[in-house]
Amino acid sequence: MQRLWLIFAQTVTIALAVLFVIVTFKPEWLPRTRLMPASSGVPVASSAESQAENNGQQPTTGGYATAAQRALPAVVHVFTSKEVVAPQHPLLNDPFFKHFFGDSGQQQTQRSSGLGSGVLVSTDGYILTNNHVIEGADAIEIALNDGKKFAARIVGRDPETDIAVLRIDSKEKLPAISFSPASSVHVGDVVLAIGNPFGVGQTVTMGIVSAMGRTQLGINTFENFIQTDAAINPGNSGGALVDTQGRLLGINTAIYSRSGGSLGIGFAIPAASAQSIMEQIIKTGRVTRGWIGVQVQEITPDLIEAFKLPAKGALIAGIARNSPAQKAGVLPGDVLTAIDGQPIVNAHGVLESVARLPPGQLAKLSLIRRGKTLEAVTQIAQRPLPGNSPQE
């Protein structure tokens, strides 16, 4: 028995010595393994890596390359130009100068150029971008990721959400991005921002969704932004915010910055909202929203104390002449508490609630006037174009 134990001990010692020599001088002779999570405790060989090695290929690495490769072809560069009047030197308008040298003649004009980004959302050439990217432009050129260039035309635009729809004509099928379901976006999700910052070329940056439903930022009339810390810089406007599968989450629109560069606070219009606006623009050429013609303001603690107003609702500060609200008997000083039974919590809620109603529909307004509750019925009208009316 003692002899068998001695043979066993010598065998184990020799085996360990051989293993030590192989590990030290020829580690490539040993099979590669990949450790599983600590909960399993069992090393398992990676079949993907083994297959790649057998095929003479390098193992694939982690990251977001697949998502970027899916989305990059659909993100385009938007180049705009317009004719502007060149400012004249003050001396040319001086009466003394004109007396001796006469009128200098016609004002000179020059071309002004701009740049931004856009997203191909259909294979037949429809592009989503920001309205501020193409506003005032009389010529728009689109450059695809592969270098091809096309002249673009404006299908329609919605300044109140800063969305514009362009179209290019191509004989070939164009690469289009797919939309991510609205319910799939959550705070903390990893996102990629793709665009053409500062005109340097197509660029991908990575971050997370920092917040959802950002409003009252003073950027647009209608706001419902996705906030992200993915780097967004000038030139990224109109570009794509995508998820880790390369699907469109939003249209990059604005940044918070004191220097002009990214400070980690960027805002994107949700893809679902942009898609809804795009469909209306393609169908009718504009976005249809409801309007009743009231100007509202927030109810502050001082107003509550001074005029015994309710804590929730919106104070009607003004009414447009001949508007639906005036015809329904609404008066300045009334507090609007509900529309068609839907409670109004603040002034911003009036804008959103009325805009969702189709023109021509009757709506019941719940009001409080001098402490008394009353109701008024009004017919929703078409919201005027921006600049024609500041009221809801």
Protein backbone atom coordinates (compact mmCIF):
# COMPACT_ATOMS: atom_id res chain seq x y z
CA MET A 1 0.00 0.00 0.00
CA GLN A 2 2.82 2.35 0.84
CA ARG A 3 4.40 1.60 -2.54
CA LEU A 4 1.15 2.49 -4.43
CA TRP A 5 0.85 5.77 -2.56
CA LEU A 6 4.47 6.60 -3.42
CA ILE A 7 3.81 5.91 -7.15
CA PHE A 8 0.66 8.12 -7.04
CA ALA A 9 2.53 10.98 -5.37
CA GLN A 10 5.36 10.81 -7.91
CA THR A 11 2.87 10.77 -10.81
CA VAL A 12 1.03 13.86 -9.52
CA THR A 13 4.33 15.66 -8.94
CA ILE A 14 5.50 14.96 -12.49
CA ALA A 15 2.12 16.03 -13.95
CA LEU A 16 2.20 19.32 -12.06
CA ALA A 17 5.77 19.92 -13.18
CA VAL A 18 4.81 19.33 -16.83
CA LEU A 19 1.77 21.64 -16.49
CA PHE A 20 3.96 24.33 -14.93
CA VAL A 21 6.44 24.14 -17.82
CA ILE A 22 3.62 24.35 -20.42
CA VAL A 23 1.92 27.28 -18.70
CA THR A 24 5.23 29.12 -18.39
CA PHE A 25 6.77 28.49 -21.81
CA LYS A 26 3.91 27.32 -24.15
CA PRO A 27 0.60 28.74 -22.85
CA GLU A 28 -0.86 28.67 -26.37
CA TRP A 29 -0.98 24.87 -26.16
CA LEU A 30 -3.74 25.11 -23.56
CA PRO A 31 -7.43 25.53 -24.60
CA ARG A 32 -8.87 29.02 -24.03
CA THR A 33 -11.75 29.37 -21.62
CA ARG A 34 -14.09 32.18 -20.64
CA LEU A 35 -15.24 32.51 -17.06
CA MET A 36 -18.96 32.71 -16.47
CA PRO A 37 -20.50 34.89 -13.74
CA ALA A 38 -19.37 34.11 -10.23
CA SER A 39 -22.71 32.48 -9.43
CA SER A 40 -22.01 29.54 -11.73
CA GLY A 41 -18.42 28.92 -10.66
CA VAL A 42 -17.79 26.79 -13.78
CA PRO A 43 -15.46 27.93 -16.58
CA VAL A 44 -17.07 27.35 -19.98
CA ALA A 45 -15.29 27.66 -23.30
CA SER A 46 -16.67 30.37 -25.59
CA SER A 47 -18.12 28.66 -28.63
CA ALA A 48 -18.15 31.93 -30.62
CA GLU A 49 -14.45 32.54 -29.95
CA SER A 50 -13.56 28.93 -30.70
CA GLN A 51 -15.46 29.06 -33.98
CA ALA A 52 -13.79 32.35 -34.93
CA GLU A 53 -10.37 30.89 -34.21
CA ASN A 54 -11.13 27.76 -36.23
CA ASN A 55 -12.14 29.98 -39.17
CA GLY A 56 -8.98 32.03 -38.86
CA GLN A 57 -10.92 35.15 -37.73
CA GLN A 58 -10.40 37.44 -34.77
CA PRO A 59 -13.02 37.11 -31.99
CA THR A 60 -15.63 39.90 -32.06
CA THR A 61 -15.39 42.55 -29.35
CA GLY A 62 -18.17 44.12 -27.30
CA GLY A 63 -19.51 47.68 -27.71
CA TYR A 64 -22.06 49.43 -29.86
CA ALA A 65 -20.52 48.94 -33.31
CA THR A 66 -23.52 46.98 -34.59
CA ALA A 67 -25.98 49.71 -33.56
CA ALA A 68 -23.80 52.40 -35.14
CA GLN A 69 -23.40 50.44 -38.38
CA ARG A 70 -27.18 50.03 -38.65
CA ALA A 71 -27.93 53.71 -38.07
CA LEU A 72 -25.00 55.49 -39.79
CA PRO A 73 -26.18 55.03 -43.41
CA ALA A 74 -29.52 56.69 -42.58
CA VAL A 75 -28.01 59.83 -41.01
CA VAL A 76 -27.28 62.54 -43.59
CA HIS A 77 -25.55 65.90 -43.75
CA VAL A 78 -27.76 68.91 -44.50
CA PHE A 79 -26.12 71.88 -46.23
CA THR A 80 -28.17 75.05 -46.65
CA SER A 81 -27.61 78.40 -48.30
CA LYS A 82 -29.58 81.60 -48.62
CA GLU A 83 -29.15 85.07 -50.04
CA VAL A 84 -28.76 87.82 -47.46
CA VAL A 85 -28.30 91.55 -47.75
CA ALA A 86 -24.74 92.53 -46.92
CA PRO A 87 -24.53 95.28 -44.28
CA GLN A 88 -23.40 98.60 -45.70
CA HIS A 89 -20.69 100.72 -44.17
CA PRO A 90 -22.28 103.57 -42.13
CA LEU A 91 -20.36 106.11 -44.22
CA LEU A 92 -22.38 105.15 -47.32
CA ASN A 93 -25.58 106.37 -45.66
CA ASP A 94 -24.08 109.65 -44.48
CA PRO A 95 -25.83 112.69 -46.11
CA PHE A 96 -22.48 114.54 -46.49
CA PHE A 97 -21.01 111.56 -48.38
CA LYS A 98 -24.09 111.32 -50.63
CA HIS A 99 -23.97 115.07 -51.35
CA PHE A 100 -20.48 114.85 -52.88
CA PHE A 101 -20.41 111.31 -54.21
CA GLY A 102 -24.07 110.60 -54.84
CA ASP A 103 -26.04 107.54 -53.78
CA SER A 104 -23.87 104.44 -53.61
CA GLY A 105 -26.51 102.46 -55.47
CA GLN A 106 -28.23 99.21 -54.71
CA GLN A 107 -27.56 97.15 -51.62
CA GLN A 108 -25.19 94.26 -52.14
CA THR A 109 -26.23 90.67 -51.42
CA GLN A 110 -24.18 87.63 -50.55
CA ARG A 111 -24.72 83.90 -49.96
CA SER A 112 -24.87 82.61 -46.40
CA SER A 113 -24.37 78.90 -45.71
CA GLY A 114 -25.29 76.62 -42.84
CA LEU A 115 -25.01 72.99 -41.89
CA GLY A 116 -26.84 70.41 -39.85
CA SER A 117 -27.93 66.81 -39.90
CA GLY A 118 -30.99 64.81 -40.89
CA VAL A 119 -32.35 61.27 -40.74
CA LEU A 120 -33.64 59.19 -43.65
CA VAL A 121 -36.88 57.65 -42.41
CA SER A 122 -38.13 56.04 -45.65
CA THR A 123 -36.52 54.30 -48.58
CA ASP A 124 -38.18 56.74 -51.00
CA GLY A 125 -36.32 59.76 -49.65
CA TYR A 126 -38.21 61.39 -46.77
CA ILE A 127 -35.88 63.04 -44.23
CA LEU A 128 -36.57 64.33 -40.73
CA THR A 129 -34.56 67.29 -39.45
CA ASN A 130 -34.99 70.43 -37.34
CA ASN A 131 -36.86 73.43 -38.66
CA HIS A 132 -34.10 75.76 -37.46
CA VAL A 133 -31.61 73.88 -39.65
CA ILE A 134 -33.43 74.77 -42.90
CA GLU A 135 -35.31 77.93 -41.87
CA GLY A 136 -34.94 80.68 -44.45
CA ALA A 137 -32.87 78.52 -46.81
CA ASP A 138 -33.48 78.86 -50.55
CA ALA A 139 -31.21 75.93 -51.45
CA ILE A 140 -30.75 72.66 -49.56
CA GLU A 141 -28.27 69.90 -50.39
CA ILE A 142 -28.19 66.47 -48.78
CA ALA A 143 -25.01 64.38 -48.57
CA LEU A 144 -25.39 60.69 -47.76
CA ASN A 145 -22.96 58.66 -45.72
CA ASP A 146 -21.47 57.20 -48.91
CA GLY A 147 -20.76 60.66 -50.35
CA LYS A 148 -23.67 60.90 -52.79
CA LYS A 149 -25.32 64.31 -52.94
CA PHE A 150 -28.89 65.30 -53.76
CA ALA A 151 -30.87 68.51 -53.98
CA ALA A 152 -33.68 68.47 -51.40
CA ARG A 153 -37.05 70.17 -51.28
CA ILE A 154 -39.08 71.13 -48.22
CA VAL A 155 -42.23 69.02 -47.85
CA GLY A 156 -43.39 70.97 -44.81
CA ARG A 157 -42.30 72.22 -41.43
CA ASP A 158 -43.65 72.80 -37.94
CA PRO A 159 -41.85 75.67 -36.17
CA GLU A 160 -43.72 75.06 -32.91
CA THR A 161 -41.99 71.69 -32.44
CA ASP A 162 -38.92 72.54 -34.56
CA ILE A 163 -39.56 69.66 -36.97
CA ALA A 164 -39.12 69.84 -40.75
CA VAL A 165 -39.63 67.19 -43.43
CA LEU A 166 -37.44 67.14 -46.55
CA ARG A 167 -37.42 64.87 -49.56
CA ILE A 168 -34.79 63.82 -52.06
CA ASP A 169 -35.32 61.93 -55.31
CA SER A 170 -33.18 58.88 -55.98
CA LYS A 171 -33.51 56.07 -58.47
CA GLU A 172 -31.98 53.72 -55.92
CA LYS A 173 -33.52 52.44 -52.72
CA LEU A 174 -32.22 54.59 -49.88
CA PRO A 175 -31.13 53.33 -46.43
CA ALA A 176 -33.86 54.15 -43.91
CA ILE A 177 -33.74 53.93 -40.14
CA SER A 178 -36.34 52.03 -38.12
CA PHE A 179 -38.28 53.64 -35.26
CA SER A 180 -37.98 52.45 -31.68
CA PRO A 181 -41.26 51.90 -29.77
CA ALA A 182 -41.99 54.85 -27.49
CA SER A 183 -42.52 52.54 -24.50
CA SER A 184 -39.00 51.13 -24.85
CA VAL A 185 -37.22 54.33 -23.72
CA HIS A 186 -36.27 54.58 -20.06
CA VAL A 187 -34.02 56.78 -17.94
CA GLY A 188 -30.60 55.13 -17.77
CA ASP A 189 -30.78 53.48 -21.21
CA VAL A 190 -27.59 53.72 -23.27
CA VAL A 191 -28.01 55.88 -26.39
CA LEU A 192 -25.89 57.00 -29.34
CA ALA A 193 -26.01 60.47 -30.90
CA ILE A 194 -25.10 60.60 -34.59
CA GLY A 195 -24.60 63.76 -36.63
CA ASN A 196 -22.18 66.17 -38.27
CA PRO A 197 -20.81 68.36 -35.43
CA PHE A 198 -18.97 71.49 -36.54
CA GLY A 199 -18.95 70.08 -40.09
CA VAL A 200 -16.08 67.69 -39.31
CA GLY A 201 -17.98 64.69 -40.68
CA GLN A 202 -20.23 61.98 -39.38
CA THR A 203 -19.62 61.37 -35.68
CA VAL A 204 -21.00 58.95 -33.09
CA THR A 205 -21.07 59.78 -29.37
CA MET A 206 -22.39 57.66 -26.51
CA GLY A 207 -24.28 58.45 -23.31
CA ILE A 208 -27.45 57.60 -21.45
CA VAL A 209 -31.01 58.90 -21.24
CA SER A 210 -30.76 61.38 -18.38
CA ALA A 211 -34.45 62.33 -18.14
CA MET A 212 -37.75 62.07 -19.99
CA GLY A 213 -40.55 64.54 -20.69
CA ARG A 214 -38.55 67.76 -20.26
CA THR A 215 -40.84 70.77 -20.78
CA GLN A 216 -40.98 74.53 -20.19
CA LEU A 217 -37.40 75.04 -21.37
CA GLY A 218 -38.30 77.91 -23.69
CA ILE A 219 -36.90 76.12 -26.75
CA ASN A 220 -40.15 75.32 -28.59
CA THR A 221 -43.83 76.05 -28.10
CA PHE A 222 -44.60 72.34 -27.67
CA GLU A 223 -41.93 70.52 -25.69
CA ASN A 224 -41.53 66.93 -24.56
CA PHE A 225 -37.79 66.34 -24.77
CA ILE A 226 -35.60 63.34 -24.10
CA GLN A 227 -32.58 64.59 -22.14
CA THR A 228 -29.24 62.88 -22.73
CA ASP A 229 -25.61 63.33 -21.79
CA ALA A 230 -24.39 61.99 -25.14
CA ALA A 231 -22.23 64.75 -26.62
CA ILE A 232 -24.32 66.94 -28.96
CA ASN A 233 -22.64 69.95 -30.57
CA PRO A 234 -23.50 72.55 -33.25
CA GLY A 235 -24.09 70.67 -36.49
CA ASN A 236 -25.69 67.73 -34.67
CA SER A 237 -29.10 69.40 -34.90
CA GLY A 238 -31.50 67.22 -36.84
CA GLY A 239 -29.35 64.12 -36.32
CA ALA A 240 -30.35 60.80 -34.78
CA LEU A 241 -30.50 59.67 -31.19
CA VAL A 242 -30.58 55.86 -31.40
CA ASP A 243 -30.78 52.92 -29.00
CA THR A 244 -28.32 50.05 -28.73
CA GLN A 245 -30.11 48.28 -31.58
CA GLY A 246 -29.68 51.21 -33.95
CA ARG A 247 -33.35 52.25 -33.84
CA LEU A 248 -34.41 55.91 -33.83
CA LEU A 249 -35.29 57.26 -30.39
CA GLY A 250 -35.30 60.98 -31.17
CA ILE A 251 -34.18 63.92 -33.29
CA ASN A 252 -31.31 65.81 -31.65
CA THR A 253 -32.43 69.42 -31.29
CA ALA A 254 -30.68 71.54 -28.67
CA ILE A 255 -28.00 71.67 -26.00
CA TYR A 256 -27.59 73.57 -22.77
CA SER A 257 -24.28 75.38 -23.05
CA ARG A 258 -22.57 78.53 -21.85
CA SER A 259 -19.66 78.17 -24.24
CA GLY A 260 -21.26 76.75 -27.39
CA GLY A 261 -19.86 73.27 -26.74
CA SER A 262 -21.44 70.23 -25.14
CA LEU A 263 -21.80 70.30 -21.35
CA GLY A 264 -23.54 66.94 -21.13
CA ILE A 265 -27.10 68.26 -21.31
CA GLY A 266 -28.68 67.68 -24.71
CA PHE A 267 -32.30 67.46 -25.80
CA ALA A 268 -33.97 65.36 -28.48
CA ILE A 269 -37.53 65.35 -29.80
CA PRO A 270 -39.01 61.85 -29.22
CA ALA A 271 -39.22 59.78 -32.38
CA ALA A 272 -42.92 59.03 -31.83
CA SER A 273 -43.76 62.76 -31.76
CA ALA A 274 -41.58 63.46 -34.80
CA GLN A 275 -43.19 60.58 -36.71
CA SER A 276 -46.72 61.82 -35.93
CA ILE A 277 -45.85 65.34 -37.09
CA MET A 278 -44.14 63.99 -40.22
CA GLU A 279 -47.20 61.95 -41.19
CA GLN A 280 -49.45 65.01 -40.87
CA ILE A 281 -47.06 67.14 -42.91
CA ILE A 282 -46.79 64.53 -45.68
CA LYS A 283 -50.56 64.13 -45.78
CA THR A 284 -51.74 67.74 -45.51
CA GLY A 285 -48.61 69.93 -45.69
CA ARG A 286 -49.04 71.21 -42.14
CA VAL A 287 -49.79 70.18 -38.56
CA THR A 288 -53.37 70.61 -37.36
CA ARG A 289 -53.92 71.71 -33.76
CA GLY A 290 -56.85 73.02 -31.77
CA TRP A 291 -57.21 76.61 -30.52
CA ILE A 292 -59.70 78.51 -28.33
CA GLY A 293 -57.97 81.90 -28.08
CA VAL A 294 -57.09 82.30 -24.40
CA GLN A 295 -53.92 83.58 -22.80
CA VAL A 296 -53.18 81.80 -19.52
CA GLN A 297 -50.74 82.18 -16.66
CA GLU A 298 -49.66 80.08 -13.69
CA ILE A 299 -51.49 80.44 -10.39
CA THR A 300 -48.89 81.58 -7.86
CA PRO A 301 -49.16 81.45 -4.05
CA ASP A 302 -49.54 85.26 -4.03
CA LEU A 303 -52.53 85.05 -6.42
CA ILE A 304 -54.08 82.29 -4.33
CA GLU A 305 -53.84 84.43 -1.19
CA ALA A 306 -54.93 87.71 -2.79
CA PHE A 307 -57.86 86.48 -4.88
CA LYS A 308 -58.78 83.23 -3.13
CA LEU A 309 -58.01 81.19 -6.23
CA PRO A 310 -57.79 77.39 -6.34
CA ALA A 311 -54.32 75.85 -6.16
CA LYS A 312 -54.75 73.88 -9.39
CA GLY A 313 -55.79 75.15 -12.79
CA ALA A 314 -54.77 77.99 -15.07
CA LEU A 315 -55.69 81.66 -14.71
CA ILE A 316 -57.12 83.17 -17.89
CA ALA A 317 -55.25 86.46 -18.32
CA GLY A 318 -56.53 87.45 -21.76
CA ILE A 319 -58.91 86.44 -24.54
CA ALA A 320 -58.51 86.97 -28.28
CA ARG A 321 -61.21 89.03 -29.97
CA ASN A 322 -63.87 86.93 -31.75
CA SER A 323 -62.17 83.76 -30.52
CA PRO A 324 -64.05 80.57 -29.56
CA ALA A 325 -63.46 81.33 -25.88
CA GLN A 326 -64.97 84.82 -26.15
CA LYS A 327 -68.01 83.47 -28.00
CA ALA A 328 -68.47 80.89 -25.23
CA GLY A 329 -68.59 83.62 -22.56
CA VAL A 330 -65.19 83.03 -20.96
CA LEU A 331 -63.86 86.11 -19.14
CA PRO A 332 -60.41 87.27 -18.01
CA GLY A 333 -59.93 86.30 -14.38
CA ASP A 334 -61.68 82.94 -14.76
CA VAL A 335 -59.75 79.86 -13.64
CA LEU A 336 -59.83 76.98 -16.12
CA THR A 337 -59.83 73.72 -14.15
CA ALA A 338 -60.76 71.09 -16.76
CA ILE A 339 -61.38 70.55 -20.48
CA ASP A 340 -63.86 67.83 -21.38
CA GLY A 341 -63.45 66.41 -17.89
CA GLN A 342 -59.65 66.25 -18.08
CA PRO A 343 -58.16 68.19 -15.14
CA ILE A 344 -55.88 71.15 -15.86
CA VAL A 345 -53.01 71.24 -13.38
CA ASN A 346 -51.08 74.23 -14.73
CA ALA A 347 -50.95 76.72 -17.59
CA HIS A 348 -48.81 74.45 -19.77
CA GLY A 349 -51.52 71.81 -19.55
CA VAL A 350 -53.98 74.14 -21.33
CA LEU A 351 -51.69 74.43 -24.34
CA GLU A 352 -51.25 70.66 -24.66
CA SER A 353 -54.90 69.77 -23.99
CA VAL A 354 -56.37 72.27 -26.45
CA ALA A 355 -53.84 71.46 -29.17
CA ARG A 356 -54.83 67.79 -29.11
CA LEU A 357 -58.49 68.58 -29.87
CA PRO A 358 -59.53 68.53 -33.56
CA PRO A 359 -60.91 71.78 -35.02
CA GLY A 360 -64.70 71.78 -35.21
CA GLN A 361 -65.21 69.66 -32.11
CA LEU A 362 -67.27 70.99 -29.20
CA ALA A 363 -65.44 71.09 -25.87
CA LYS A 364 -66.75 71.66 -22.34
CA LEU A 365 -64.69 74.07 -20.24
CA SER A 366 -64.91 73.85 -16.43
CA LEU A 367 -64.34 77.27 -14.88
CA ILE A 368 -64.26 78.97 -11.47
CA ARG A 369 -65.41 82.60 -11.45
CA ARG A 370 -65.36 84.53 -8.17
CA GLY A 371 -65.53 81.30 -6.20
CA LYS A 372 -68.43 79.85 -8.20
CA THR A 373 -68.14 76.80 -10.47
CA LEU A 374 -69.59 77.07 -13.97
CA GLU A 375 -69.28 75.46 -17.39
CA ALA A 376 -68.99 76.81 -20.92
CA VAL A 377 -69.16 75.01 -24.26
CA THR A 378 -66.91 76.19 -27.07
CA GLN A 379 -66.16 75.03 -30.60
CA ILE A 380 -62.48 74.29 -31.18
CA ALA A 381 -60.88 76.30 -34.00
CA GLN A 382 -57.75 75.77 -36.08
CA ARG A 383 -54.63 77.02 -34.31
CA PRO A 384 -53.19 80.00 -36.24
CA LEU A 385 -49.71 79.79 -37.69
CA PRO A 386 -46.89 80.97 -35.39
CA GLY A 387 -46.67 84.76 -35.19
CA ASN A 388 -50.34 85.32 -35.89
CA SER A 389 -51.53 84.72 -32.33
CA PRO A 390 -49.67 84.33 -29.04
CA GLN A 391 -52.67 82.78 -27.31
CA GLU A 392 -53.73 79.15 -26.85
